[in-house]
Amino acid sequence: MKRHLMHARFLAGALAVVLGLTLAAPPVSAAEPATADSPRPIAAAANAKVRALPAEALAQAAPAAPAAAPAETEKRPFFKTTKGAIALVLIAGTLGYTAYSMSSDRIKSPAK
């Protein structure tokens, strides 16, 4: 019993340290507020760069037709993919183990 008590004290101490460090950190709301003039600096820089380009350069840069990805053209049901087969095997294994452990349980009480 003494060994279990030592483990409990260690775990309680570790929990106290983690909780103390969590509460000691300043909350996110206490951080400096973001400036209102630049909420999206990357978008503003991109817009300024596009406005600076001549109209001829923008006309040449017409978007090309996107190539169709093989995954989008070939739609298969989930359980016919590799991940789906693995999921089915795991589900079957879990259900089989559950049935086995329920049938070989040592406790035979009417409340079960």
N, C-alpha and C. Protein backbone atom coordinates (compact mmCIF):
# COMPACT_ATOMS: atom_id res chain seq x y z
N MET A 1 0.83 -1.19 0.00
CA MET A 1 0.00 0.00 0.00
C MET A 1 0.87 1.24 0.00
N LYS A 2 2.02 1.17 0.62
CA LYS A 2 2.88 2.34 0.70
C LYS A 2 3.37 2.73 -0.69
N ARG A 3 3.62 1.73 -1.56
CA ARG A 3 4.11 2.02 -2.89
C ARG A 3 3.05 2.79 -3.69
N HIS A 4 1.79 2.40 -3.56
CA HIS A 4 0.73 3.09 -4.27
C HIS A 4 0.56 4.52 -3.77
N LEU A 5 0.79 4.72 -2.48
CA LEU A 5 0.68 6.05 -1.91
C LEU A 5 1.78 6.95 -2.45
N MET A 6 2.97 6.41 -2.67
CA MET A 6 4.07 7.20 -3.22
C MET A 6 3.75 7.62 -4.66
N HIS A 7 3.14 6.71 -5.43
CA HIS A 7 2.77 7.05 -6.80
C HIS A 7 1.69 8.14 -6.80
N ALA A 8 0.77 8.05 -5.87
CA ALA A 8 -0.29 9.04 -5.80
C ALA A 8 0.28 10.41 -5.46
N ARG A 9 1.24 10.45 -4.55
CA ARG A 9 1.86 11.73 -4.20
C ARG A 9 2.61 12.32 -5.38
N PHE A 10 3.33 11.47 -6.12
CA PHE A 10 4.06 11.94 -7.30
C PHE A 10 3.10 12.49 -8.34
N LEU A 11 2.02 11.77 -8.61
CA LEU A 11 1.05 12.23 -9.59
C LEU A 11 0.36 13.52 -9.15
N ALA A 12 0.07 13.63 -7.87
CA ALA A 12 -0.55 14.85 -7.35
C ALA A 12 0.39 16.04 -7.49
N GLY A 13 1.68 15.81 -7.24
CA GLY A 13 2.66 16.88 -7.40
C GLY A 13 2.80 17.30 -8.85
N ALA A 14 2.85 16.32 -9.75
CA ALA A 14 2.96 16.63 -11.17
C ALA A 14 1.72 17.39 -11.64
N LEU A 15 0.55 16.98 -11.18
CA LEU A 15 -0.67 17.68 -11.54
C LEU A 15 -0.67 19.11 -11.02
N ALA A 16 -0.17 19.31 -9.82
CA ALA A 16 -0.10 20.65 -9.25
C ALA A 16 0.84 21.54 -10.06
N VAL A 17 1.97 20.99 -10.50
CA VAL A 17 2.91 21.77 -11.29
C VAL A 17 2.30 22.15 -12.64
N VAL A 18 1.67 21.21 -13.30
CA VAL A 18 1.06 21.48 -14.61
C VAL A 18 -0.06 22.51 -14.46
N LEU A 19 -0.89 22.36 -13.45
CA LEU A 19 -1.98 23.30 -13.23
C LEU A 19 -1.44 24.69 -12.89
N GLY A 20 -0.38 24.75 -12.09
CA GLY A 20 0.23 26.03 -11.76
C GLY A 20 0.81 26.73 -12.97
N LEU A 21 1.49 25.97 -13.83
CA LEU A 21 2.04 26.57 -15.05
C LEU A 21 0.94 27.02 -16.00
N THR A 22 -0.15 26.29 -16.04
CA THR A 22 -1.27 26.67 -16.90
C THR A 22 -1.90 27.97 -16.42
N LEU A 23 -2.09 28.09 -15.14
CA LEU A 23 -2.72 29.29 -14.60
C LEU A 23 -1.77 30.47 -14.55
N ALA A 24 -0.46 30.22 -14.57
CA ALA A 24 0.50 31.31 -14.52
C ALA A 24 0.68 31.99 -15.87
N ALA A 25 0.36 31.32 -16.95
CA ALA A 25 0.50 31.90 -18.29
C ALA A 25 -0.54 33.00 -18.47
N PRO A 26 -0.17 34.09 -19.12
CA PRO A 26 -1.16 35.15 -19.33
C PRO A 26 -2.20 34.70 -20.35
N PRO A 27 -3.43 35.12 -20.19
CA PRO A 27 -4.46 34.72 -21.15
C PRO A 27 -4.22 35.38 -22.51
N VAL A 28 -4.78 34.80 -23.52
CA VAL A 28 -4.59 35.31 -24.88
C VAL A 28 -5.21 36.69 -25.02
N SER A 29 -6.28 36.95 -24.32
CA SER A 29 -6.94 38.25 -24.43
C SER A 29 -6.08 39.37 -23.86
N ALA A 30 -5.06 39.05 -23.07
CA ALA A 30 -4.20 40.07 -22.50
C ALA A 30 -3.07 40.45 -23.45
N ALA A 31 -2.96 39.79 -24.58
CA ALA A 31 -1.91 40.11 -25.55
C ALA A 31 -2.20 41.47 -26.18
N GLU A 32 -1.19 42.00 -26.86
CA GLU A 32 -1.35 43.30 -27.49
C GLU A 32 -2.42 43.21 -28.57
N PRO A 33 -3.30 44.19 -28.63
CA PRO A 33 -4.32 44.15 -29.68
C PRO A 33 -3.71 44.40 -31.05
N ALA A 34 -4.28 43.78 -32.06
CA ALA A 34 -3.78 43.97 -33.42
C ALA A 34 -4.14 45.36 -33.89
N THR A 35 -3.28 45.93 -34.71
CA THR A 35 -3.55 47.27 -35.21
C THR A 35 -4.70 47.20 -36.21
N ALA A 36 -5.54 48.22 -36.18
CA ALA A 36 -6.72 48.23 -37.02
C ALA A 36 -6.39 48.57 -38.47
N ASP A 37 -5.24 49.23 -38.72
CA ASP A 37 -4.93 49.65 -40.08
C ASP A 37 -4.36 48.53 -40.94
N SER A 38 -3.89 47.45 -40.35
CA SER A 38 -3.32 46.36 -41.16
C SER A 38 -3.79 45.00 -40.66
N PRO A 39 -5.07 44.67 -40.83
CA PRO A 39 -5.51 43.35 -40.37
C PRO A 39 -5.01 42.24 -41.27
N ARG A 40 -4.79 42.54 -42.58
CA ARG A 40 -4.33 41.53 -43.52
C ARG A 40 -3.21 42.14 -44.37
N PRO A 41 -1.98 42.20 -43.85
CA PRO A 41 -0.91 42.87 -44.60
C PRO A 41 -0.53 42.15 -45.89
N ILE A 42 -0.67 40.83 -45.94
CA ILE A 42 -0.30 40.10 -47.15
C ILE A 42 -1.29 40.41 -48.27
N ALA A 43 -2.58 40.47 -47.94
CA ALA A 43 -3.59 40.79 -48.94
C ALA A 43 -3.41 42.21 -49.45
N ALA A 44 -3.09 43.14 -48.56
CA ALA A 44 -2.88 44.53 -48.98
C ALA A 44 -1.67 44.64 -49.89
N ALA A 45 -0.59 43.92 -49.57
CA ALA A 45 0.60 43.97 -50.42
C ALA A 45 0.33 43.34 -51.78
N ALA A 46 -0.44 42.26 -51.82
CA ALA A 46 -0.77 41.62 -53.10
C ALA A 46 -1.64 42.53 -53.95
N ASN A 47 -2.60 43.19 -53.35
CA ASN A 47 -3.46 44.12 -54.10
C ASN A 47 -2.65 45.28 -54.65
N ALA A 48 -1.72 45.80 -53.87
CA ALA A 48 -0.89 46.90 -54.34
C ALA A 48 0.00 46.47 -55.49
N LYS A 49 0.51 45.26 -55.44
CA LYS A 49 1.36 44.75 -56.52
C LYS A 49 0.56 44.55 -57.80
N VAL A 50 -0.66 44.06 -57.70
CA VAL A 50 -1.51 43.87 -58.87
C VAL A 50 -1.88 45.21 -59.49
N ARG A 51 -2.17 46.22 -58.66
CA ARG A 51 -2.50 47.55 -59.18
C ARG A 51 -1.32 48.18 -59.89
N ALA A 52 -0.09 47.84 -59.48
CA ALA A 52 1.10 48.43 -60.08
C ALA A 52 1.43 47.80 -61.43
N LEU A 53 0.94 46.62 -61.73
CA LEU A 53 1.22 45.95 -63.00
C LEU A 53 0.46 46.64 -64.14
N PRO A 54 1.08 46.68 -65.34
CA PRO A 54 0.36 47.24 -66.49
C PRO A 54 -0.75 46.29 -66.94
N ALA A 55 -1.74 46.81 -67.65
CA ALA A 55 -2.90 46.04 -68.08
C ALA A 55 -2.51 44.93 -69.04
N GLU A 56 -1.45 45.15 -69.86
CA GLU A 56 -1.03 44.12 -70.81
C GLU A 56 -0.51 42.87 -70.09
N ALA A 57 0.19 43.08 -69.02
CA ALA A 57 0.74 41.95 -68.26
C ALA A 57 -0.39 41.13 -67.63
N LEU A 58 -1.43 41.82 -67.19
CA LEU A 58 -2.56 41.11 -66.59
C LEU A 58 -3.35 40.34 -67.63
N ALA A 59 -3.43 40.87 -68.87
CA ALA A 59 -4.17 40.18 -69.93
C ALA A 59 -3.44 38.92 -70.35
N GLN A 60 -2.11 38.92 -70.31
CA GLN A 60 -1.33 37.75 -70.69
C GLN A 60 -1.42 36.65 -69.64
N ALA A 61 -1.63 37.01 -68.43
CA ALA A 61 -1.62 36.04 -67.33
C ALA A 61 -3.01 35.47 -67.09
N ALA A 62 -3.69 35.07 -68.16
CA ALA A 62 -5.02 34.47 -68.00
C ALA A 62 -4.85 33.11 -67.34
N PRO A 63 -5.73 32.75 -66.42
CA PRO A 63 -5.58 31.47 -65.73
C PRO A 63 -5.80 30.30 -66.69
N ALA A 64 -4.93 29.32 -66.58
CA ALA A 64 -5.04 28.12 -67.40
C ALA A 64 -6.09 27.18 -66.81
N ALA A 65 -6.62 26.31 -67.62
CA ALA A 65 -7.61 25.35 -67.15
C ALA A 65 -6.92 24.37 -66.20
N PRO A 66 -7.46 24.16 -65.02
CA PRO A 66 -6.83 23.24 -64.08
C PRO A 66 -6.92 21.80 -64.56
N ALA A 67 -5.83 21.08 -64.38
CA ALA A 67 -5.82 19.66 -64.76
C ALA A 67 -6.63 18.87 -63.74
N ALA A 68 -7.41 17.94 -64.23
CA ALA A 68 -8.24 17.13 -63.35
C ALA A 68 -7.36 16.12 -62.61
N ALA A 69 -7.49 16.10 -61.32
CA ALA A 69 -6.72 15.16 -60.52
C ALA A 69 -7.36 13.78 -60.62
N PRO A 70 -6.56 12.72 -60.61
CA PRO A 70 -7.14 11.38 -60.72
C PRO A 70 -8.07 11.03 -59.56
N ALA A 71 -7.80 11.62 -58.39
CA ALA A 71 -8.65 11.29 -57.23
C ALA A 71 -10.04 11.88 -57.40
N GLU A 72 -10.14 13.03 -58.09
CA GLU A 72 -11.45 13.66 -58.25
C GLU A 72 -12.28 12.94 -59.32
N THR A 73 -11.61 12.44 -60.36
CA THR A 73 -12.37 11.80 -61.43
C THR A 73 -12.79 10.39 -61.04
N GLU A 74 -12.06 9.77 -60.17
CA GLU A 74 -12.35 8.39 -59.78
C GLU A 74 -12.94 8.36 -58.38
N LYS A 75 -14.25 8.43 -58.29
CA LYS A 75 -14.91 8.42 -56.99
C LYS A 75 -15.30 6.99 -56.65
N ARG A 76 -14.70 6.48 -55.57
CA ARG A 76 -15.02 5.12 -55.11
C ARG A 76 -15.64 5.22 -53.73
N PRO A 77 -16.47 4.27 -53.38
CA PRO A 77 -17.00 4.24 -52.02
C PRO A 77 -15.86 4.08 -51.01
N PHE A 78 -16.07 4.61 -49.81
CA PHE A 78 -15.01 4.61 -48.81
C PHE A 78 -14.54 3.20 -48.46
N PHE A 79 -15.45 2.26 -48.30
CA PHE A 79 -15.06 0.93 -47.86
C PHE A 79 -14.39 0.11 -48.96
N LYS A 80 -14.32 0.66 -50.18
CA LYS A 80 -13.59 -0.03 -51.25
C LYS A 80 -12.18 0.54 -51.43
N THR A 81 -11.83 1.54 -50.63
CA THR A 81 -10.47 2.07 -50.64
C THR A 81 -9.63 1.31 -49.62
N THR A 82 -8.32 1.55 -49.64
CA THR A 82 -7.43 0.87 -48.69
C THR A 82 -7.75 1.28 -47.25
N LYS A 83 -7.98 2.58 -47.05
CA LYS A 83 -8.29 3.04 -45.69
C LYS A 83 -9.61 2.45 -45.21
N GLY A 84 -10.57 2.32 -46.10
CA GLY A 84 -11.85 1.73 -45.71
C GLY A 84 -11.72 0.26 -45.36
N ALA A 85 -10.87 -0.48 -46.12
CA ALA A 85 -10.66 -1.89 -45.81
C ALA A 85 -9.98 -2.05 -44.46
N ILE A 86 -9.03 -1.17 -44.17
CA ILE A 86 -8.35 -1.22 -42.86
C ILE A 86 -9.36 -0.92 -41.75
N ALA A 87 -10.23 0.06 -41.98
CA ALA A 87 -11.25 0.39 -40.97
C ALA A 87 -12.17 -0.80 -40.73
N LEU A 88 -12.57 -1.48 -41.80
CA LEU A 88 -13.44 -2.66 -41.63
C LEU A 88 -12.75 -3.77 -40.85
N VAL A 89 -11.47 -3.99 -41.13
CA VAL A 89 -10.72 -5.02 -40.40
C VAL A 89 -10.63 -4.67 -38.92
N LEU A 90 -10.35 -3.39 -38.62
CA LEU A 90 -10.26 -2.98 -37.22
C LEU A 90 -11.61 -3.10 -36.51
N ILE A 91 -12.67 -2.72 -37.18
CA ILE A 91 -14.00 -2.84 -36.58
C ILE A 91 -14.34 -4.30 -36.33
N ALA A 92 -14.06 -5.18 -37.31
CA ALA A 92 -14.35 -6.60 -37.14
C ALA A 92 -13.52 -7.19 -36.00
N GLY A 93 -12.26 -6.81 -35.92
CA GLY A 93 -11.41 -7.30 -34.83
C GLY A 93 -11.90 -6.84 -33.47
N THR A 94 -12.31 -5.59 -33.39
CA THR A 94 -12.82 -5.06 -32.12
C THR A 94 -14.10 -5.76 -31.70
N LEU A 95 -15.01 -5.94 -32.64
CA LEU A 95 -16.26 -6.63 -32.30
C LEU A 95 -16.01 -8.08 -31.93
N GLY A 96 -15.08 -8.75 -32.62
CA GLY A 96 -14.75 -10.13 -32.29
C GLY A 96 -14.15 -10.25 -30.91
N TYR A 97 -13.24 -9.34 -30.57
CA TYR A 97 -12.62 -9.38 -29.25
C TYR A 97 -13.65 -9.07 -28.16
N THR A 98 -14.56 -8.15 -28.45
CA THR A 98 -15.61 -7.83 -27.48
C THR A 98 -16.49 -9.04 -27.22
N ALA A 99 -16.88 -9.72 -28.28
CA ALA A 99 -17.73 -10.91 -28.12
C ALA A 99 -16.98 -12.00 -27.36
N TYR A 100 -15.70 -12.19 -27.68
CA TYR A 100 -14.90 -13.20 -26.98
C TYR A 100 -14.75 -12.86 -25.50
N SER A 101 -14.44 -11.61 -25.19
CA SER A 101 -14.22 -11.25 -23.80
C SER A 101 -15.51 -11.30 -23.00
N MET A 102 -16.64 -11.02 -23.64
CA MET A 102 -17.92 -11.12 -22.92
C MET A 102 -18.27 -12.57 -22.64
N SER A 103 -17.94 -13.46 -23.56
CA SER A 103 -18.30 -14.87 -23.35
C SER A 103 -17.36 -15.55 -22.37
N SER A 104 -16.13 -15.08 -22.27
CA SER A 104 -15.19 -15.74 -21.35
C SER A 104 -14.95 -14.91 -20.10
N ASP A 105 -15.89 -14.07 -19.75
CA ASP A 105 -15.79 -13.27 -18.55
C ASP A 105 -15.95 -14.17 -17.32
N ARG A 106 -15.15 -13.93 -16.30
CA ARG A 106 -15.20 -14.78 -15.10
C ARG A 106 -16.37 -14.45 -14.20
N ILE A 107 -16.88 -13.26 -14.30
CA ILE A 107 -17.98 -12.85 -13.42
C ILE A 107 -19.29 -13.34 -14.03
N LYS A 108 -20.00 -14.17 -13.29
CA LYS A 108 -21.26 -14.71 -13.76
C LYS A 108 -22.36 -14.27 -12.80
N SER A 109 -22.76 -13.03 -12.88
CA SER A 109 -23.79 -12.55 -12.00
C SER A 109 -25.06 -12.27 -12.79
N PRO A 110 -26.21 -12.34 -12.15
CA PRO A 110 -27.47 -12.07 -12.86
C PRO A 110 -27.61 -10.60 -13.26
N ALA A 111 -26.89 -9.71 -12.60
CA ALA A 111 -26.98 -8.28 -12.91
C ALA A 111 -26.21 -7.95 -14.18
N LYS A 112 -25.41 -8.85 -14.65
CA LYS A 112 -24.62 -8.60 -15.85
C LYS A 112 -25.50 -8.69 -17.03
